[in-house]
Amino acid sequence: METANAVLNELLERADRDNDRWINGDASNYAFPDDGTILGAVGGYSHGGAATSARQSAAAAHWLRGSGDIEFLNGGVSGDLAWLTFIARSRVVLTGTEAERRWDLRVTEVFRRNGDLWERIHRHADPLVDFRSVSAAADLLTAQ
C-alpha cells in the first residue's frame, strides 16, 4: 500500500500537470464522476458527468496559453480519501488579447480511491485576490 506522502506527491504532480493543460486550453483532465462537484474559478458550480465536462471545455477555450506552477499548502490521506490545498500561480493569455496576465487561484481538491486510481471528486478554485478590508470584499458581492 502507498504511503500518505507517496499519494500526496502523486496527486500534486497530477494537479500541476492538469493546471498546465488547463491554462493552455485543455480541460480534459477535469472530467468528474457523476457524483463529483466543482466550484469553478469563474463562478457558479456544477455536478459531475457530461454537463461538467462540457462546461469545463467551454471555459478552458478562453485560455490561449500559459505557464505556471502550484504551491502546496496542505493535504492529507485518510483511508480511501485524499485532499490537497494549493495556490496555482500562473501567467496566461486569454482569447481576444495578447497581453499576458496574472491568473492565481486558491484551490482545494478532494480525491477518492477507485481501485488503483485516485479520482478527483471535488474541486474548488477561485481567484487569489490581494488582501482587502471586509467592506471591500462585501462590495465584490454587490457589484453584480
C-alpha atoms as a PDB file:
ATOM      1  CA  MET A   1       0.000   0.000   0.000  1.00  0.00           C
ATOM      2  CA  GLU A   2       1.218   3.503  -0.833  1.00  0.00           C
ATOM      3  CA  THR A   3       2.292   5.810   1.952  1.00  0.00           C
ATOM      4  CA  ALA A   4       0.404   9.068   2.511  1.00  0.00           C
ATOM      5  CA  ASN A   5       3.425  11.027   1.249  1.00  0.00           C
ATOM      6  CA  ALA A   6       3.570   8.969  -1.950  1.00  0.00           C
ATOM      7  CA  VAL A   7      -0.150   9.568  -2.581  1.00  0.00           C
ATOM      8  CA  LEU A   8       0.174  13.302  -1.951  1.00  0.00           C
ATOM      9  CA  ASN A   9       3.208  13.557  -4.231  1.00  0.00           C
ATOM     10  CA  GLU A  10       1.340  11.694  -6.978  1.00  0.00           C
ATOM     11  CA  LEU A  11      -1.706  13.941  -6.634  1.00  0.00           C
ATOM     12  CA  LEU A  12       0.394  17.116  -6.544  1.00  0.00           C
ATOM     13  CA  GLU A  13       2.205  16.107  -9.736  1.00  0.00           C
ATOM     14  CA  ARG A  14      -1.161  15.405 -11.326  1.00  0.00           C
ATOM     15  CA  ALA A  15      -2.585  18.741 -10.143  1.00  0.00           C
ATOM     16  CA  ASP A  16       0.428  20.544 -11.634  1.00  0.00           C
ATOM     17  CA  ARG A  17       0.064  18.726 -14.984  1.00  0.00           C
ATOM     18  CA  ASP A  18      -3.698  19.343 -15.039  1.00  0.00           C
ATOM     19  CA  ASN A  19      -3.222  23.038 -14.265  1.00  0.00           C
ATOM     20  CA  ASP A  20      -0.674  23.319 -17.065  1.00  0.00           C
ATOM     21  CA  ARG A  21      -3.093  21.724 -19.515  1.00  0.00           C
ATOM     22  CA  TRP A  22      -5.950  23.981 -18.322  1.00  0.00           C
ATOM     23  CA  ILE A  23      -4.024  27.237 -18.767  1.00  0.00           C
ATOM     24  CA  ASN A  24      -3.219  26.053 -22.283  1.00  0.00           C
ATOM     25  CA  GLY A  25      -6.890  25.493 -23.188  1.00  0.00           C
ATOM     26  CA  ASP A  26      -7.308  21.769 -22.417  1.00  0.00           C
ATOM     27  CA  ALA A  27      -9.865  20.856 -19.736  1.00  0.00           C
ATOM     28  CA  SER A  28      -9.992  17.128 -20.486  1.00  0.00           C
ATOM     29  CA  ASN A  29      -8.419  16.176 -17.154  1.00  0.00           C
ATOM     30  CA  TYR A  30     -11.188  17.942 -15.243  1.00  0.00           C
ATOM     31  CA  ALA A  31     -13.895  15.400 -16.075  1.00  0.00           C
ATOM     32  CA  PHE A  32     -15.714  14.423 -12.885  1.00  0.00           C
ATOM     33  CA  PRO A  33     -17.689  11.333 -11.935  1.00  0.00           C
ATOM     34  CA  ASP A  34     -21.464  11.763 -11.834  1.00  0.00           C
ATOM     35  CA  ASP A  35     -21.401  12.455  -8.087  1.00  0.00           C
ATOM     36  CA  GLY A  36     -18.468  14.875  -8.325  1.00  0.00           C
ATOM     37  CA  THR A  37     -18.760  18.634  -7.811  1.00  0.00           C
ATOM     38  CA  ILE A  38     -16.891  21.699  -8.961  1.00  0.00           C
ATOM     39  CA  LEU A  39     -16.963  25.266  -7.717  1.00  0.00           C
ATOM     40  CA  GLY A  40     -15.085  26.873 -10.585  1.00  0.00           C
ATOM     41  CA  ALA A  41     -12.791  29.869 -10.685  1.00  0.00           C
ATOM     42  CA  VAL A  42     -15.117  31.854 -12.950  1.00  0.00           C
ATOM     43  CA  GLY A  43     -18.113  31.367 -10.673  1.00  0.00           C
ATOM     44  CA  GLY A  44     -21.069  29.080 -10.343  1.00  0.00           C
ATOM     45  CA  TYR A  45     -20.986  25.367  -9.678  1.00  0.00           C
ATOM     46  CA  SER A  46     -21.828  22.112 -11.358  1.00  0.00           C
ATOM     47  CA  HIS A  47     -22.231  18.440 -10.662  1.00  0.00           C
ATOM     48  CA  GLY A  48     -20.143  15.847 -12.450  1.00  0.00           C
ATOM     49  CA  GLY A  49     -20.707  13.917 -15.585  1.00  0.00           C
ATOM     50  CA  ALA A  50     -21.222  15.182 -19.111  1.00  0.00           C
ATOM     51  CA  ALA A  51     -22.558  18.603 -18.070  1.00  0.00           C
ATOM     52  CA  THR A  52     -19.424  19.427 -16.106  1.00  0.00           C
ATOM     53  CA  SER A  53     -17.129  18.178 -18.859  1.00  0.00           C
ATOM     54  CA  ALA A  54     -18.898  20.406 -21.401  1.00  0.00           C
ATOM     55  CA  ARG A  55     -18.782  23.405 -19.062  1.00  0.00           C
ATOM     56  CA  GLN A  56     -15.095  22.883 -18.317  1.00  0.00           C
ATOM     57  CA  SER A  57     -14.240  22.615 -22.025  1.00  0.00           C
ATOM     58  CA  ALA A  58     -16.160  25.814 -22.796  1.00  0.00           C
ATOM     59  CA  ALA A  59     -14.355  27.692 -20.010  1.00  0.00           C
ATOM     60  CA  ALA A  60     -10.882  26.388 -20.910  1.00  0.00           C
ATOM     61  CA  ALA A  61     -11.358  27.535 -24.504  1.00  0.00           C
ATOM     62  CA  HIS A  62     -10.760  31.094 -23.219  1.00  0.00           C
ATOM     63  CA  TRP A  63      -7.121  30.323 -22.376  1.00  0.00           C
ATOM     64  CA  LEU A  64      -4.743  30.592 -25.325  1.00  0.00           C
ATOM     65  CA  ARG A  65      -1.545  29.801 -23.481  1.00  0.00           C
ATOM     66  CA  GLY A  66       0.045  29.998 -20.100  1.00  0.00           C
ATOM     67  CA  SER A  67       2.729  28.842 -17.758  1.00  0.00           C
ATOM     68  CA  GLY A  68       2.799  28.380 -14.028  1.00  0.00           C
ATOM     69  CA  ASP A  69       3.205  26.078 -11.098  1.00  0.00           C
ATOM     70  CA  ILE A  70       1.484  25.129  -7.904  1.00  0.00           C
ATOM     71  CA  GLU A  71       2.475  25.938  -4.344  1.00  0.00           C
ATOM     72  CA  PHE A  72       1.439  23.151  -1.960  1.00  0.00           C
ATOM     73  CA  LEU A  73      -0.170  24.410   1.234  1.00  0.00           C
ATOM     74  CA  ASN A  74      -1.546  21.306   2.905  1.00  0.00           C
ATOM     75  CA  GLY A  75      -3.027  17.898   2.227  1.00  0.00           C
ATOM     76  CA  GLY A  76      -3.783  14.553   3.713  1.00  0.00           C
ATOM     77  CA  VAL A  77      -4.872  10.996   3.164  1.00  0.00           C
ATOM     78  CA  SER A  78      -7.406   9.110   5.249  1.00  0.00           C
ATOM     79  CA  GLY A  79      -8.304   5.655   4.008  1.00  0.00           C
ATOM     80  CA  ASP A  80      -9.753   5.998   0.521  1.00  0.00           C
ATOM     81  CA  LEU A  81      -9.964   9.813   0.623  1.00  0.00           C
ATOM     82  CA  ALA A  82      -7.255  12.386  -0.030  1.00  0.00           C
ATOM     83  CA  TRP A  83      -7.266  16.171  -0.192  1.00  0.00           C
ATOM     84  CA  LEU A  84      -4.976  18.965  -1.348  1.00  0.00           C
ATOM     85  CA  THR A  85      -4.890  22.696  -0.845  1.00  0.00           C
ATOM     86  CA  PHE A  86      -2.575  24.769  -3.005  1.00  0.00           C
ATOM     87  CA  ILE A  87      -2.070  28.040  -4.820  1.00  0.00           C
ATOM     88  CA  ALA A  88      -1.906  27.749  -8.617  1.00  0.00           C
ATOM     89  CA  ARG A  89       0.255  30.678  -9.751  1.00  0.00           C
ATOM     90  CA  SER A  90       0.094  31.261 -13.485  1.00  0.00           C
ATOM     91  CA  ARG A  91       0.708  33.792 -16.208  1.00  0.00           C
ATOM     92  CA  VAL A  92      -1.815  33.416 -19.037  1.00  0.00           C
ATOM     93  CA  VAL A  93      -3.006  34.907 -22.297  1.00  0.00           C
ATOM     94  CA  LEU A  94      -6.777  34.839 -22.757  1.00  0.00           C
ATOM     95  CA  THR A  95      -8.672  34.883 -26.048  1.00  0.00           C
ATOM     96  CA  GLY A  96      -9.182  38.319 -27.552  1.00  0.00           C
ATOM     97  CA  THR A  97      -5.961  39.690 -26.119  1.00  0.00           C
ATOM     98  CA  GLU A  98      -2.239  39.275 -26.489  1.00  0.00           C
ATOM     99  CA  ALA A  99      -1.454  40.668 -23.053  1.00  0.00           C
ATOM    100  CA  GLU A 100      -0.135  38.210 -20.521  1.00  0.00           C
ATOM    101  CA  ARG A 101      -1.839  38.461 -17.150  1.00  0.00           C
ATOM    102  CA  ARG A 102      -1.739  37.007 -13.669  1.00  0.00           C
ATOM    103  CA  TRP A 103      -4.044  34.047 -13.042  1.00  0.00           C
ATOM    104  CA  ASP A 104      -3.511  32.935  -9.446  1.00  0.00           C
ATOM    105  CA  LEU A 105      -6.043  30.616  -7.842  1.00  0.00           C
ATOM    106  CA  ARG A 106      -6.533  29.205  -4.364  1.00  0.00           C
ATOM    107  CA  VAL A 107      -7.569  25.594  -4.798  1.00  0.00           C
ATOM    108  CA  THR A 108      -8.962  22.722  -2.745  1.00  0.00           C
ATOM    109  CA  GLU A 109      -9.320  19.288  -4.330  1.00  0.00           C
ATOM    110  CA  VAL A 110     -10.735  16.075  -2.888  1.00  0.00           C
ATOM    111  CA  PHE A 111      -9.962  12.620  -4.312  1.00  0.00           C
ATOM    112  CA  ARG A 112     -11.207   9.115  -3.594  1.00  0.00           C
ATOM    113  CA  ARG A 113      -9.555   5.851  -4.372  1.00  0.00           C
ATOM    114  CA  ASN A 114     -11.339   3.905  -7.088  1.00  0.00           C
ATOM    115  CA  GLY A 115      -9.473   0.612  -7.450  1.00  0.00           C
ATOM    116  CA  ASP A 116      -5.835   1.505  -8.037  1.00  0.00           C
ATOM    117  CA  LEU A 117      -6.611   5.051  -9.186  1.00  0.00           C
ATOM    118  CA  TRP A 118      -7.406   8.287  -7.388  1.00  0.00           C
ATOM    119  CA  GLU A 119     -10.344  10.132  -8.947  1.00  0.00           C
ATOM    120  CA  ARG A 120     -10.975  13.829  -8.354  1.00  0.00           C
ATOM    121  CA  ILE A 121     -14.452  14.175  -6.834  1.00  0.00           C
ATOM    122  CA  HIS A 122     -14.427  17.835  -5.819  1.00  0.00           C
ATOM    123  CA  ARG A 123     -12.587  20.966  -6.888  1.00  0.00           C
ATOM    124  CA  HIS A 124     -12.997  24.453  -5.537  1.00  0.00           C
ATOM    125  CA  ALA A 125     -10.875  27.109  -7.224  1.00  0.00           C
ATOM    126  CA  ASP A 126     -11.260  30.846  -7.008  1.00  0.00           C
ATOM    127  CA  PRO A 127      -9.080  33.843  -7.735  1.00  0.00           C
ATOM    128  CA  LEU A 128      -6.431  34.558  -5.137  1.00  0.00           C
ATOM    129  CA  VAL A 129      -7.288  38.198  -4.639  1.00  0.00           C
ATOM    130  CA  ASP A 130      -4.977  40.512  -2.816  1.00  0.00           C
ATOM    131  CA  PHE A 131      -5.888  41.201   0.810  1.00  0.00           C
ATOM    132  CA  ARG A 132      -8.687  43.738   1.245  1.00  0.00           C
ATOM    133  CA  SER A 133     -10.938  45.032   4.004  1.00  0.00           C
ATOM    134  CA  VAL A 134     -14.160  43.224   4.891  1.00  0.00           C
ATOM    135  CA  SER A 135     -16.245  46.040   3.422  1.00  0.00           C
ATOM    136  CA  ALA A 136     -14.267  45.973   0.161  1.00  0.00           C
ATOM    137  CA  ALA A 137     -14.766  42.194  -0.032  1.00  0.00           C
ATOM    138  CA  ALA A 138     -18.510  42.657   0.622  1.00  0.00           C
ATOM    139  CA  ASP A 139     -18.602  45.172  -2.228  1.00  0.00           C
ATOM    140  CA  LEU A 140     -17.485  42.415  -4.603  1.00  0.00           C
ATOM    141  CA  LEU A 141     -20.734  40.590  -3.887  1.00  0.00           C
ATOM    142  CA  THR A 142     -22.899  43.627  -4.560  1.00  0.00           C
ATOM    143  CA  ALA A 143     -21.024  44.664  -7.703  1.00  0.00           C
ATOM    144  CA  GLN A 144     -23.021  42.226  -9.814  1.00  0.00           C
END
